[in-house]
Amino acid sequence: MASIGSERAPRFPWRNPWATGSGSVIARVRATFADGSDSSLARRLAGAAFMIRAVSALLAFLSQIVFARWLGGFEFGIYIYAWTWLVLIGGVINLGLGSAAQSFIPQYTEHRQFALLRGFLGGSRWLALGIAAAAALAGGAAIMLLPGVAPNTVVPLCLACAALPALGLAAVQSGIARSYNWVNLGLMPPFLLRQLVLLASMGAAYACGVKMDAVTMMLLTVAALWSCVLGQTVAINRRLAGAVARGSKAYAARDWLKTSTPIFLVEGIYSLLAYSDVIVLSQFRPPGEVAIYYAAAKSLVLVAFIHFSVAQTVAHKFTEYHVVGDRKRLDDYLTHSLRLTFWPSLGLIVVILALGKPLLRMFGSGFESGYYLMFIIAIGLLARAAVGPAERLLSMLNERRACAIVYAGSFSLNLGLCILLIPAFGLTGAAVASASALVCESACLFIVAKYRLGFHCLIFGRPRAGA
């Protein structure tokens, strides 16, 4: 027997002797987070995911400030270049199997296809690991053999390739964990624990007098990634042993890839859209300027994590309601997802922009010159927040092709604007290109969801219940 539980999303059954009735603040808060409904579960799971990513982002932000000071702008810029390539490729190296888990696991569980469920839980991880290992070997060979690769980036880029299998495995395991509502297990190892391990190891290396450069930092990054992902593997195997009964296994790799490949295309284009500005900027501007742009963008990263947190925790529910044909619950769940994404994003943008200059000064001298970039970047983030987890809704409801077309168009716009604007306007051009692409992406996702699925996937103008 298999089950999808939520023991990592506690319901906080506290009692308050001063609560005077259902209208009290405590009662309203308890109803919001602990009433046992799917909306309450979504809030708890999204809140847990956001807290993990928020703490991770805070650690990353503080770590990057320290690393930028230890390495200097030039070496830090080289590391950012290699890290961006690692995140760009590593985010899609699993071929969409991580996100597909949130479709297959509820489907197999609902239809009681437990042999296929057991096969997917193990086979999808081995499949992703093998694909990533092959890509890592091909990438390393390309870096060593192809002309045009800057000599000071060769070693950091080759080290980044060594981390690709870890990211592929982590993505699938994260999708499996989220499908069972094990948010902590899915997100803490690759995001929070990795930051702690990296910060501790870099601090130890600095204290021991190890040369602080991009090679050292990337080497320790690879070690931190692998150690955390292997620990996650052990933990998730133990958890699955208690959630899924032993039995025969069936493998449907062709069906898995048939479903995951469109998701891979969407996520691949999404990653290109997210990181193409840094990649193109690195081709036209020196590492020091790239570091300034990166610092400005990373100062707003918490806003993006709100969108990430909601999207990662609601996708399997979209599938569940769609499979059973409960459109009303799906629409209600979408409404809550939009609210959970937009309003916290708006509030956080206001706070971060107010503190922007002091935050950038922490990176070192000259970084505050990128303060104005934060306002431009924020426009795109706010547009994306306004449509909430629209891309997850489309992917889970079999509109992956339309979603891929939207992202392909947005990426093409972003890349074209980057190539056009960066040579003429530098950092400003990169920020305008990124924000414009996100606005276009959000508008297109709304249109597709509205006219292909009939859902009003926008925080504004939603019809009232029963209308």
Protein backbone atom coordinates (compact mmCIF):
# COMPACT_ATOMS: atom_id res chain seq x y z
CA MET A 1 0.00 0.00 0.00
CA ALA A 2 1.27 3.51 -0.78
CA SER A 3 0.18 6.80 0.67
CA ILE A 4 0.83 10.47 0.19
CA GLY A 5 1.13 12.05 3.60
CA SER A 6 1.89 15.40 5.14
CA GLU A 7 3.69 14.65 8.37
CA ARG A 8 6.25 17.33 7.54
CA ALA A 9 3.56 19.97 7.50
CA PRO A 10 2.36 20.11 11.13
CA ARG A 11 -1.03 21.55 11.88
CA PHE A 12 0.02 23.47 14.99
CA PRO A 13 -2.78 22.32 17.29
CA TRP A 14 -2.07 24.93 19.95
CA ARG A 15 -4.70 26.27 22.31
CA ASN A 16 -4.88 29.79 23.69
CA PRO A 17 -6.77 30.46 26.91
CA TRP A 18 -7.18 34.11 25.94
CA ALA A 19 -8.98 33.32 22.68
CA THR A 20 -12.55 34.57 23.14
CA GLY A 21 -14.23 33.16 20.03
CA SER A 22 -14.02 32.26 16.42
CA GLY A 23 -13.41 35.90 15.55
CA SER A 24 -10.23 36.16 17.58
CA VAL A 25 -6.87 36.65 15.94
CA ILE A 26 -5.63 33.29 17.21
CA ALA A 27 -8.68 31.51 15.82
CA ARG A 28 -8.26 33.15 12.43
CA VAL A 29 -4.58 32.28 12.29
CA ARG A 30 -5.32 28.72 13.32
CA ALA A 31 -8.05 28.47 10.69
CA THR A 32 -5.66 29.79 8.09
CA PHE A 33 -2.90 27.28 8.75
CA ALA A 34 -4.42 24.38 10.67
CA ASP A 35 -8.01 23.74 9.61
CA GLY A 36 -7.14 20.53 7.77
CA SER A 37 -8.24 21.78 4.33
CA ASP A 38 -6.17 21.53 1.17
CA SER A 39 -5.79 25.31 1.17
CA SER A 40 -4.40 25.18 4.70
CA LEU A 41 -2.04 22.39 3.65
CA ALA A 42 -0.91 24.46 0.67
CA ARG A 43 -0.15 27.40 2.94
CA ARG A 44 1.82 25.24 5.35
CA LEU A 45 3.78 23.50 2.62
CA ALA A 46 4.47 26.70 0.71
CA GLY A 47 5.41 28.40 3.96
CA ALA A 48 7.80 25.60 4.84
CA ALA A 49 9.32 25.67 1.36
CA PHE A 50 9.70 29.43 1.49
CA MET A 51 11.31 29.35 4.91
CA ILE A 52 13.85 26.81 3.69
CA ARG A 53 14.61 28.84 0.57
CA ALA A 54 14.57 32.09 2.54
CA VAL A 55 17.09 30.86 5.10
CA SER A 56 19.10 29.35 2.26
CA ALA A 57 18.98 32.65 0.38
CA LEU A 58 20.06 34.55 3.47
CA LEU A 59 22.97 32.18 3.97
CA ALA A 60 23.84 32.42 0.27
CA PHE A 61 23.62 36.21 0.36
CA LEU A 62 25.85 36.49 3.39
CA SER A 63 28.21 33.85 2.00
CA GLN A 64 28.49 35.65 -1.33
CA ILE A 65 29.34 38.86 0.48
CA VAL A 66 32.14 37.04 2.32
CA PHE A 67 33.29 35.21 -0.82
CA ALA A 68 33.29 38.41 -2.88
CA ARG A 69 35.55 40.03 -0.29
CA TRP A 70 37.84 37.01 0.02
CA LEU A 71 38.15 36.37 -3.72
CA GLY A 72 37.97 39.93 -5.03
CA GLY A 73 35.74 41.11 -7.85
CA PHE A 74 37.70 39.41 -10.66
CA GLU A 75 37.92 35.88 -9.19
CA PHE A 76 34.39 36.14 -7.83
CA GLY A 77 33.18 37.07 -11.32
CA ILE A 78 34.87 33.96 -12.76
CA TYR A 79 33.20 31.79 -10.12
CA ILE A 80 29.81 33.37 -10.86
CA TYR A 81 30.31 32.58 -14.55
CA ALA A 82 31.06 28.90 -13.84
CA TRP A 83 28.32 28.66 -11.20
CA THR A 84 25.75 30.16 -13.58
CA TRP A 85 26.55 27.52 -16.20
CA LEU A 86 26.29 24.82 -13.53
CA VAL A 87 22.87 26.01 -12.34
CA LEU A 88 21.68 26.54 -15.91
CA ILE A 89 22.53 23.01 -17.08
CA GLY A 90 22.06 21.32 -13.71
CA GLY A 91 18.52 22.62 -13.44
CA VAL A 92 17.42 20.65 -16.50
CA ILE A 93 19.89 17.76 -16.54
CA ASN A 94 17.21 15.42 -15.10
CA LEU A 95 15.17 15.86 -18.33
CA GLY A 96 12.12 16.98 -16.36
CA LEU A 97 11.86 13.76 -14.32
CA GLY A 98 11.87 15.72 -11.07
CA SER A 99 8.75 17.66 -12.03
CA ALA A 100 7.20 14.62 -13.71
CA ALA A 101 7.32 12.88 -10.32
CA GLN A 102 4.56 15.22 -9.19
CA SER A 103 2.43 13.89 -12.01
CA PHE A 104 3.26 10.17 -11.92
CA ILE A 105 3.22 9.59 -8.16
CA PRO A 106 -0.32 10.95 -7.56
CA GLN A 107 -1.49 9.20 -10.74
CA TYR A 108 -0.03 5.79 -9.82
CA THR A 109 -1.27 6.14 -6.25
CA GLU A 110 -4.79 7.18 -7.25
CA HIS A 111 -5.06 4.31 -9.76
CA ARG A 112 -3.42 1.85 -7.33
CA GLN A 113 -0.68 1.00 -9.83
CA PHE A 114 1.83 0.23 -7.09
CA ALA A 115 4.24 -1.81 -9.21
CA LEU A 116 4.69 1.18 -11.52
CA LEU A 117 4.96 3.44 -8.49
CA ARG A 118 7.79 1.38 -7.00
CA GLY A 119 9.49 1.20 -10.36
CA PHE A 120 9.33 4.95 -10.80
CA LEU A 121 10.65 5.72 -7.31
CA GLY A 122 13.86 3.84 -8.04
CA GLY A 123 14.17 3.82 -11.81
CA SER A 124 13.67 7.55 -12.32
CA ARG A 125 16.60 8.31 -10.05
CA TRP A 126 18.96 5.90 -11.81
CA LEU A 127 17.82 7.23 -15.18
CA ALA A 128 18.49 10.84 -14.20
CA LEU A 129 21.86 9.94 -12.68
CA GLY A 130 22.98 8.14 -15.84
CA ILE A 131 21.88 10.95 -18.13
CA ALA A 132 23.65 13.55 -15.99
CA ALA A 133 26.87 11.50 -15.83
CA ALA A 134 26.96 11.21 -19.62
CA ALA A 135 26.34 14.95 -19.99
CA ALA A 136 29.11 15.70 -17.48
CA LEU A 137 31.65 13.68 -19.49
CA ALA A 138 30.57 15.33 -22.74
CA GLY A 139 30.70 18.78 -21.16
CA GLY A 140 34.18 18.25 -19.72
CA ALA A 141 35.48 17.06 -23.08
CA ALA A 142 33.96 20.06 -24.85
CA ILE A 143 35.55 22.50 -22.40
CA MET A 144 38.98 20.93 -22.84
CA LEU A 145 38.87 20.59 -26.63
CA LEU A 146 36.83 23.46 -28.01
CA PRO A 147 38.62 26.73 -28.81
CA GLY A 148 37.47 30.04 -27.44
CA VAL A 149 37.16 28.99 -23.79
CA ALA A 150 38.97 31.52 -21.60
CA PRO A 151 41.96 29.82 -19.90
CA ASN A 152 41.05 31.12 -16.44
CA THR A 153 37.59 29.50 -16.69
CA VAL A 154 38.63 26.01 -17.87
CA VAL A 155 39.25 24.42 -14.46
CA PRO A 156 36.19 25.97 -12.74
CA LEU A 157 33.97 24.86 -15.63
CA CYS A 158 35.36 21.30 -15.57
CA LEU A 159 34.78 21.12 -11.83
CA ALA A 160 31.21 22.32 -12.40
CA CYS A 161 30.67 19.36 -14.74
CA ALA A 162 31.55 17.01 -11.88
CA ALA A 163 28.55 18.35 -9.94
CA LEU A 164 25.99 17.69 -12.69
CA PRO A 165 25.13 14.10 -11.65
CA ALA A 166 24.51 15.30 -8.09
CA LEU A 167 22.10 17.97 -9.33
CA GLY A 168 20.30 15.49 -11.58
CA LEU A 169 19.77 13.05 -8.70
CA ALA A 170 18.77 15.84 -6.30
CA ALA A 171 16.11 17.17 -8.69
CA VAL A 172 14.34 13.82 -8.98
CA GLN A 173 14.56 13.14 -5.25
CA SER A 174 13.17 16.60 -4.53
CA GLY A 175 10.21 15.90 -6.83
CA ILE A 176 9.55 12.57 -5.13
CA ALA A 177 9.70 14.13 -1.67
CA ARG A 178 7.39 17.00 -2.61
CA SER A 179 4.88 14.52 -4.04
CA TYR A 180 4.60 13.03 -0.55
CA ASN A 181 4.53 16.51 1.05
CA TRP A 182 7.99 15.94 2.58
CA VAL A 183 9.06 19.49 1.91
CA ASN A 184 11.96 19.52 4.35
CA LEU A 185 13.48 16.35 2.94
CA GLY A 186 13.05 17.58 -0.62
CA LEU A 187 14.51 21.05 -0.22
CA MET A 188 16.80 21.23 2.80
CA PRO A 189 19.73 19.08 1.57
CA PRO A 190 20.29 20.74 -1.83
CA PHE A 191 19.56 24.27 -0.68
CA LEU A 192 20.01 24.88 3.04
CA LEU A 193 22.52 22.22 4.07
CA ARG A 194 24.64 22.80 0.99
CA GLN A 195 25.03 26.46 1.91
CA LEU A 196 26.08 25.58 5.45
CA VAL A 197 28.60 23.00 4.29
CA LEU A 198 30.06 25.35 1.68
CA LEU A 199 30.32 28.26 4.09
CA ALA A 200 32.00 26.08 6.74
CA SER A 201 34.45 24.54 4.29
CA MET A 202 35.37 27.90 2.74
CA GLY A 203 35.89 29.35 6.20
CA ALA A 204 38.16 26.45 7.13
CA ALA A 205 40.11 26.84 3.89
CA TYR A 206 40.52 30.58 4.49
CA ALA A 207 41.66 30.01 8.06
CA CYS A 208 44.23 27.46 6.87
CA GLY A 209 45.68 29.89 4.36
CA VAL A 210 44.44 28.10 1.22
CA LYS A 211 44.56 30.28 -1.88
CA MET A 212 41.16 31.95 -2.30
CA ASP A 213 40.26 31.84 -5.99
CA ALA A 214 37.52 30.56 -8.28
CA VAL A 215 39.07 27.07 -8.50
CA THR A 216 39.12 26.61 -4.73
CA MET A 217 35.56 27.82 -4.37
CA MET A 218 34.20 25.63 -7.16
CA LEU A 219 36.02 22.57 -5.80
CA LEU A 220 34.42 23.06 -2.39
CA THR A 221 31.05 23.74 -4.04
CA VAL A 222 31.19 20.36 -5.80
CA ALA A 223 32.13 18.59 -2.54
CA ALA A 224 29.27 20.30 -0.68
CA LEU A 225 26.74 19.34 -3.35
CA TRP A 226 27.71 15.67 -3.44
CA SER A 227 27.83 15.24 0.34
CA CYS A 228 24.35 16.74 0.81
CA VAL A 229 22.74 14.82 -2.07
CA LEU A 230 24.15 11.49 -0.88
CA GLY A 231 22.79 12.20 2.59
CA GLN A 232 19.40 13.03 1.05
CA THR A 233 19.47 9.71 -0.82
CA VAL A 234 19.89 7.73 2.40
CA ALA A 235 17.12 9.70 4.14
CA ILE A 236 14.61 9.43 1.31
CA ASN A 237 15.18 5.68 0.95
CA ARG A 238 14.37 5.21 4.63
CA ARG A 239 11.25 7.37 4.36
CA LEU A 240 9.99 5.56 1.26
CA ALA A 241 10.48 2.19 2.97
CA GLY A 242 7.81 3.22 5.46
CA ALA A 243 5.46 4.83 2.92
CA VAL A 244 5.46 2.28 0.10
CA ALA A 245 5.04 -1.44 0.75
CA ARG A 246 7.54 -3.85 -0.76
CA GLY A 247 6.48 -5.66 -3.90
CA SER A 248 7.08 -6.13 -7.57
CA LYS A 249 8.34 -3.28 -9.73
CA ALA A 250 7.36 -2.25 -13.22
CA TYR A 251 9.26 0.20 -15.35
CA ALA A 252 7.80 2.49 -17.99
CA ALA A 253 10.83 4.57 -18.91
CA ARG A 254 9.41 5.43 -22.32
CA ASP A 255 6.23 6.82 -20.76
CA TRP A 256 8.26 8.67 -18.14
CA LEU A 257 10.40 10.37 -20.77
CA LYS A 258 7.41 11.01 -23.01
CA THR A 259 5.83 12.99 -20.19
CA SER A 260 9.00 14.55 -18.82
CA THR A 261 10.50 15.71 -22.13
CA PRO A 262 7.98 18.55 -22.68
CA ILE A 263 8.54 19.54 -19.05
CA PHE A 264 12.28 19.44 -19.72
CA LEU A 265 11.81 21.81 -22.63
CA VAL A 266 9.79 24.19 -20.48
CA GLU A 267 12.25 24.05 -17.58
CA GLY A 268 15.23 24.31 -19.95
CA ILE A 269 13.90 27.42 -21.57
CA TYR A 270 12.92 28.72 -18.12
CA SER A 271 16.53 28.29 -16.96
CA LEU A 272 17.85 29.96 -20.09
CA LEU A 273 15.44 32.80 -19.47
CA ALA A 274 16.63 33.12 -15.88
CA TYR A 275 20.37 33.04 -16.57
CA SER A 276 20.87 34.22 -20.14
CA ASP A 277 21.38 37.81 -19.00
CA VAL A 278 24.40 36.79 -16.89
CA ILE A 279 25.78 34.53 -19.64
CA VAL A 280 25.49 37.19 -22.36
CA LEU A 281 26.70 39.91 -20.02
CA SER A 282 29.83 37.84 -19.36
CA GLN A 283 30.61 37.87 -23.09
CA PHE A 284 30.50 41.66 -23.38
CA ARG A 285 31.51 43.06 -19.99
CA PRO A 286 34.41 42.37 -17.59
CA PRO A 287 33.97 40.04 -14.57
CA GLY A 288 33.81 43.00 -12.16
CA GLU A 289 30.67 44.38 -13.81
CA VAL A 290 29.14 40.92 -13.98
CA ALA A 291 29.64 40.66 -10.22
CA ILE A 292 27.81 43.98 -9.68
CA TYR A 293 24.85 42.86 -11.79
CA TYR A 294 24.78 39.49 -10.05
CA ALA A 295 24.77 41.18 -6.62
CA ALA A 296 21.83 43.39 -7.61
CA ALA A 297 19.84 40.43 -8.93
CA LYS A 298 20.67 38.23 -5.94
CA SER A 299 19.53 40.92 -3.54
CA LEU A 300 16.01 40.28 -4.89
CA VAL A 301 16.30 36.52 -4.91
CA LEU A 302 13.93 36.07 -1.96
CA VAL A 303 11.11 37.39 -4.14
CA ALA A 304 11.73 34.69 -6.72
CA PHE A 305 11.79 32.10 -3.95
CA ILE A 306 8.20 32.91 -3.01
CA HIS A 307 7.12 31.93 -6.51
CA PHE A 308 9.36 28.87 -6.37
CA SER A 309 8.02 27.78 -2.99
CA VAL A 310 4.37 27.93 -4.00
CA ALA A 311 4.94 26.32 -7.40
CA GLN A 312 6.95 23.45 -5.96
CA THR A 313 4.34 22.54 -3.36
CA VAL A 314 1.08 22.83 -5.33
CA ALA A 315 1.85 21.06 -8.61
CA HIS A 316 0.90 17.56 -7.48
CA LYS A 317 -2.45 18.88 -6.17
CA PHE A 318 -3.23 20.33 -9.60
CA THR A 319 -2.69 16.83 -11.00
CA GLU A 320 -4.76 15.19 -8.26
CA TYR A 321 -7.81 17.42 -8.79
CA HIS A 322 -7.50 17.12 -12.55
CA VAL A 323 -7.35 13.30 -12.42
CA VAL A 324 -10.54 13.08 -10.32
CA GLY A 325 -12.28 15.79 -12.37
CA ASP A 326 -12.91 18.22 -9.48
CA ARG A 327 -12.67 21.54 -11.32
CA LYS A 328 -14.12 23.65 -8.51
CA ARG A 329 -11.51 22.52 -5.99
CA LEU A 330 -8.83 23.03 -8.61
CA ASP A 331 -9.97 26.59 -9.27
CA ASP A 332 -10.19 27.34 -5.52
CA TYR A 333 -6.71 25.90 -5.04
CA LEU A 334 -5.41 28.05 -7.89
CA THR A 335 -6.92 31.13 -6.25
CA HIS A 336 -5.10 30.43 -3.01
CA SER A 337 -1.87 29.77 -4.93
CA LEU A 338 -2.11 33.15 -6.64
CA ARG A 339 -2.63 34.95 -3.34
CA LEU A 340 0.19 33.05 -1.69
CA THR A 341 2.50 34.15 -4.50
CA PHE A 342 1.61 37.75 -5.27
CA TRP A 343 0.99 39.58 -2.02
CA PRO A 344 4.06 38.31 -0.14
CA SER A 345 6.13 39.06 -3.28
CA LEU A 346 4.86 42.63 -3.43
CA GLY A 347 5.56 43.26 0.25
CA LEU A 348 9.03 41.78 0.06
CA ILE A 349 9.93 43.82 -3.02
CA VAL A 350 9.06 47.04 -1.18
CA VAL A 351 11.20 46.07 1.81
CA ILE A 352 14.22 44.99 -0.25
CA LEU A 353 14.17 48.07 -2.47
CA ALA A 354 14.07 50.27 0.63
CA LEU A 355 17.19 48.52 1.95
CA GLY A 356 18.87 48.09 -1.42
CA LYS A 357 21.89 50.37 -1.07
CA PRO A 358 23.02 49.07 2.34
CA LEU A 359 22.62 45.50 1.07
CA LEU A 360 24.81 46.16 -1.98
CA ARG A 361 27.47 47.97 0.06
CA MET A 362 27.96 44.77 2.01
CA PHE A 363 29.43 43.14 -1.12
CA GLY A 364 32.25 45.66 -1.17
CA SER A 365 33.25 48.98 -2.63
CA GLY A 366 31.49 49.92 -5.86
CA PHE A 367 28.68 47.38 -5.67
CA GLU A 368 26.12 50.02 -4.66
CA SER A 369 26.38 51.42 -8.19
CA GLY A 370 23.99 48.64 -9.19
CA TYR A 371 21.17 49.86 -6.94
CA TYR A 372 19.07 51.27 -9.80
CA LEU A 373 19.16 47.86 -11.48
CA MET A 374 17.09 46.40 -8.65
CA PHE A 375 14.07 48.54 -9.59
CA ILE A 376 14.16 47.32 -13.18
CA ILE A 377 14.58 43.67 -12.19
CA ALA A 378 11.73 43.98 -9.66
CA ILE A 379 9.24 44.82 -12.44
CA GLY A 380 9.75 41.44 -14.05
CA LEU A 381 9.55 39.58 -10.74
CA LEU A 382 6.29 41.30 -9.86
CA ALA A 383 4.80 40.40 -13.25
CA ARG A 384 5.68 36.75 -12.72
CA ALA A 385 4.19 36.80 -9.21
CA ALA A 386 0.92 38.18 -10.60
CA VAL A 387 0.25 34.93 -12.51
CA GLY A 388 1.44 32.67 -9.70
CA PRO A 389 2.29 29.05 -10.55
CA ALA A 390 0.76 29.33 -14.03
CA GLU A 391 3.44 27.24 -15.69
CA ARG A 392 2.87 24.41 -13.19
CA LEU A 393 -0.86 24.52 -13.88
CA LEU A 394 -0.26 24.22 -17.62
CA SER A 395 2.31 21.44 -17.23
CA MET A 396 0.19 19.36 -14.88
CA LEU A 397 -2.96 19.78 -17.04
CA ASN A 398 -1.29 18.52 -20.23
CA GLU A 399 -0.61 21.91 -21.79
CA ARG A 400 3.15 21.38 -21.77
CA ARG A 401 3.54 22.14 -25.46
CA ALA A 402 1.83 25.52 -25.14
CA CYS A 403 3.89 26.26 -22.05
CA ALA A 404 7.09 25.37 -23.91
CA ILE A 405 6.14 27.70 -26.77
CA VAL A 406 5.57 30.54 -24.30
CA TYR A 407 8.95 30.03 -22.69
CA ALA A 408 10.68 29.64 -26.05
CA GLY A 409 9.25 32.97 -27.18
CA SER A 410 10.19 34.68 -23.91
CA PHE A 411 13.72 33.29 -24.06
CA SER A 412 14.13 34.41 -27.67
CA LEU A 413 12.98 37.89 -26.67
CA ASN A 414 15.33 37.94 -23.70
CA LEU A 415 18.32 36.74 -25.70
CA GLY A 416 17.63 39.11 -28.56
CA LEU A 417 17.25 42.09 -26.24
CA CYS A 418 20.40 41.11 -24.33
CA ILE A 419 22.46 40.97 -27.53
CA LEU A 420 20.92 44.23 -28.73
CA LEU A 421 20.99 46.23 -25.50
CA ILE A 422 24.02 45.04 -23.51
CA PRO A 423 26.69 46.32 -25.96
CA ALA A 424 25.02 49.73 -26.00
CA PHE A 425 23.72 50.08 -22.44
CA GLY A 426 25.74 47.57 -20.40
CA LEU A 427 24.16 46.49 -17.12
CA THR A 428 21.02 48.54 -17.76
CA GLY A 429 20.47 46.71 -21.02
CA ALA A 430 20.71 43.33 -19.27
CA ALA A 431 18.18 44.36 -16.61
CA VAL A 432 15.71 45.77 -19.18
CA ALA A 433 16.00 42.62 -21.29
CA SER A 434 15.34 40.35 -18.32
CA ALA A 435 12.38 42.37 -17.02
CA SER A 436 10.79 42.69 -20.47
CA ALA A 437 11.02 38.94 -21.04
CA LEU A 438 9.34 38.18 -17.70
CA VAL A 439 6.49 40.59 -18.41
CA CYS A 440 5.96 38.99 -21.82
CA GLU A 441 6.15 35.49 -20.34
CA SER A 442 3.58 36.29 -17.65
CA ALA A 443 1.14 37.84 -20.12
CA CYS A 444 1.38 34.82 -22.43
CA LEU A 445 0.92 32.31 -19.59
CA PHE A 446 -2.23 34.16 -18.52
CA ILE A 447 -3.61 34.08 -22.06
CA VAL A 448 -2.92 30.36 -22.52
CA ALA A 449 -4.45 29.43 -19.15
CA LYS A 450 -7.49 31.61 -19.87
CA TYR A 451 -8.31 30.51 -23.39
CA ARG A 452 -7.09 26.90 -23.44
CA LEU A 453 -8.06 25.80 -19.93
CA GLY A 454 -10.63 28.41 -18.89
CA PHE A 455 -8.76 29.45 -15.72
CA HIS A 456 -8.25 33.09 -14.77
CA CYS A 457 -4.62 32.78 -13.72
CA LEU A 458 -4.05 36.38 -12.62
CA ILE A 459 -4.23 37.93 -9.18
CA PHE A 460 -6.35 40.83 -10.50
CA GLY A 461 -9.82 40.57 -12.00
CA ARG A 462 -10.63 37.08 -10.76
CA PRO A 463 -14.38 36.38 -10.73
CA ARG A 464 -16.01 36.02 -7.35
CA ALA A 465 -16.95 32.58 -6.12
CA GLY A 466 -20.22 31.51 -7.68
CA ALA A 467 -20.02 34.19 -10.37
